[in-house]
């Protein structure tokens, strides 16, 4: 059967059967990475960023790279709150 003739449900079923038969951990990790990239690409295409959003994101990433994280972990916050009681 030609892949173009298959319904989405049939394609999903065939893909799952193939993936379930794979034993090699590295192959499974590669498949997962590919699927995650495709899903991200699909999301980006469905909701592209404006130029101003891209600039803001680039600025924030540059600030993070330059200064590191500026927050504290949830555990640190909890400890601070408990020490104030």
C-alpha atoms as a PDB file:
ATOM      1  CA  UNK A   1       0.000   0.000   0.000  1.00  0.00           C
ATOM      2  CA  UNK A   2       1.319   3.440  -0.948  1.00  0.00           C
ATOM      3  CA  UNK A   3       1.854   5.789   2.026  1.00  0.00           C
ATOM      4  CA  UNK A   4      -0.109   8.504   0.215  1.00  0.00           C
ATOM      5  CA  UNK A   5      -3.165   6.237   0.105  1.00  0.00           C
ATOM      6  CA  UNK A   6      -3.149   5.630   3.868  1.00  0.00           C
ATOM      7  CA  UNK A   7      -5.303   7.484   6.375  1.00  0.00           C
ATOM      8  CA  UNK A   8      -3.682   9.278   9.291  1.00  0.00           C
ATOM      9  CA  UNK A   9      -4.912   6.556  11.632  1.00  0.00           C
ATOM     10  CA  UNK A  10      -3.342   3.849   9.465  1.00  0.00           C
ATOM     11  CA  UNK A  11      -0.077   5.773   9.245  1.00  0.00           C
ATOM     12  CA  UNK A  12       0.039   6.180  13.029  1.00  0.00           C
ATOM     13  CA  UNK A  13      -0.677   2.500  13.513  1.00  0.00           C
ATOM     14  CA  UNK A  14       2.039   1.441  11.071  1.00  0.00           C
ATOM     15  CA  UNK A  15       4.564   3.819  12.614  1.00  0.00           C
ATOM     16  CA  UNK A  16       3.794   2.524  16.118  1.00  0.00           C
ATOM     17  CA  UNK A  17       4.180  -1.089  14.972  1.00  0.00           C
ATOM     18  CA  UNK A  18       7.557  -0.303  13.451  1.00  0.00           C
ATOM     19  CA  UNK A  19       8.755   1.652  16.487  1.00  0.00           C
ATOM     20  CA  UNK A  20       7.553  -1.039  18.900  1.00  0.00           C
ATOM     21  CA  UNK A  21       9.702  -3.570  17.035  1.00  0.00           C
ATOM     22  CA  UNK A  22      12.915  -1.573  17.473  1.00  0.00           C
ATOM     23  CA  UNK A  23      15.188  -2.882  20.228  1.00  0.00           C
ATOM     24  CA  UNK A  24      18.217  -0.596  19.822  1.00  0.00           C
ATOM     25  CA  UNK A  25      18.112   2.196  22.446  1.00  0.00           C
ATOM     26  CA  UNK A  26      20.180   4.568  20.323  1.00  0.00           C
ATOM     27  CA  UNK A  27      17.830   4.158  17.348  1.00  0.00           C
ATOM     28  CA  UNK A  28      14.833   4.881  19.594  1.00  0.00           C
ATOM     29  CA  UNK A  29      16.537   8.005  20.980  1.00  0.00           C
ATOM     30  CA  UNK A  30      17.278   9.188  17.433  1.00  0.00           C
ATOM     31  CA  UNK A  31      13.656   8.642  16.402  1.00  0.00           C
ATOM     32  CA  UNK A  32      12.481  10.573  19.458  1.00  0.00           C
ATOM     33  CA  UNK A  33      14.854  13.455  18.677  1.00  0.00           C
ATOM     34  CA  UNK A  34      13.633  13.597  15.068  1.00  0.00           C
ATOM     35  CA  UNK A  35       9.985  13.571  16.121  1.00  0.00           C
ATOM     36  CA  UNK A  36      10.584  16.310  18.708  1.00  0.00           C
ATOM     37  CA  UNK A  37      12.300  18.480  16.086  1.00  0.00           C
ATOM     38  CA  UNK A  38       9.466  17.916  13.621  1.00  0.00           C
ATOM     39  CA  UNK A  39       6.871  18.788  16.248  1.00  0.00           C
ATOM     40  CA  UNK A  40       8.750  21.958  17.194  1.00  0.00           C
ATOM     41  CA  UNK A  41       9.032  22.907  13.536  1.00  0.00           C
ATOM     42  CA  UNK A  42       5.304  22.310  13.093  1.00  0.00           C
ATOM     43  CA  UNK A  43       4.525  24.530  16.084  1.00  0.00           C
ATOM     44  CA  UNK A  44       6.851  27.271  14.830  1.00  0.00           C
ATOM     45  CA  UNK A  45       5.201  27.223  11.434  1.00  0.00           C
ATOM     46  CA  UNK A  46       1.712  27.402  12.915  1.00  0.00           C
ATOM     47  CA  UNK A  47       2.558  30.355  15.170  1.00  0.00           C
ATOM     48  CA  UNK A  48       5.583  32.204  13.806  1.00  0.00           C
ATOM     49  CA  UNK A  49       7.195  34.886  15.923  1.00  0.00           C
ATOM     50  CA  UNK A  50       7.054  38.494  14.855  1.00  0.00           C
ATOM     51  CA  UNK A  51      10.337  40.308  14.244  1.00  0.00           C
ATOM     52  CA  UNK A  52       9.976  42.205  17.530  1.00  0.00           C
ATOM     53  CA  UNK A  53       9.369  38.924  19.396  1.00  0.00           C
ATOM     54  CA  UNK A  54      12.472  37.411  17.786  1.00  0.00           C
ATOM     55  CA  UNK A  55      14.563  40.444  18.801  1.00  0.00           C
ATOM     56  CA  UNK A  56      13.259  40.301  22.370  1.00  0.00           C
ATOM     57  CA  UNK A  57      13.985  36.578  22.567  1.00  0.00           C
ATOM     58  CA  UNK A  58      17.504  37.111  21.207  1.00  0.00           C
ATOM     59  CA  UNK A  59      18.098  39.899  23.763  1.00  0.00           C
ATOM     60  CA  UNK A  60      16.912  37.710  26.639  1.00  0.00           C
ATOM     61  CA  UNK A  61      19.031  34.760  25.497  1.00  0.00           C
ATOM     62  CA  UNK A  62      22.093  37.028  25.200  1.00  0.00           C
ATOM     63  CA  UNK A  63      21.440  38.358  28.723  1.00  0.00           C
ATOM     64  CA  UNK A  64      21.122  34.819  30.050  1.00  0.00           C
ATOM     65  CA  UNK A  65      24.380  33.810  28.362  1.00  0.00           C
ATOM     66  CA  UNK A  66      26.147  36.889  29.749  1.00  0.00           C
ATOM     67  CA  UNK A  67      24.778  36.870  33.302  1.00  0.00           C
ATOM     68  CA  UNK A  68      23.560  33.368  33.961  1.00  0.00           C
ATOM     69  CA  UNK A  69      20.303  32.547  35.660  1.00  0.00           C
ATOM     70  CA  UNK A  70      18.891  35.178  38.005  1.00  0.00           C
ATOM     71  CA  UNK A  71      16.464  33.075  39.963  1.00  0.00           C
ATOM     72  CA  UNK A  72      16.486  30.596  42.779  1.00  0.00           C
ATOM     73  CA  UNK A  73      15.167  27.070  42.813  1.00  0.00           C
ATOM     74  CA  UNK A  74      11.837  26.125  44.334  1.00  0.00           C
ATOM     75  CA  UNK A  75      13.704  24.339  47.112  1.00  0.00           C
ATOM     76  CA  UNK A  76      15.708  27.481  47.930  1.00  0.00           C
ATOM     77  CA  UNK A  77      12.532  29.576  48.037  1.00  0.00           C
ATOM     78  CA  UNK A  78      10.838  27.078  50.330  1.00  0.00           C
ATOM     79  CA  UNK A  79      13.844  27.072  52.670  1.00  0.00           C
ATOM     80  CA  UNK A  80      13.868  30.892  52.808  1.00  0.00           C
ATOM     81  CA  UNK A  81      10.156  31.011  53.543  1.00  0.00           C
ATOM     82  CA  UNK A  82      10.458  28.388  56.286  1.00  0.00           C
ATOM     83  CA  UNK A  83      13.394  30.199  57.890  1.00  0.00           C
ATOM     84  CA  UNK A  84      11.277  33.366  58.208  1.00  0.00           C
ATOM     85  CA  UNK A  85       8.631  31.635  60.322  1.00  0.00           C
END
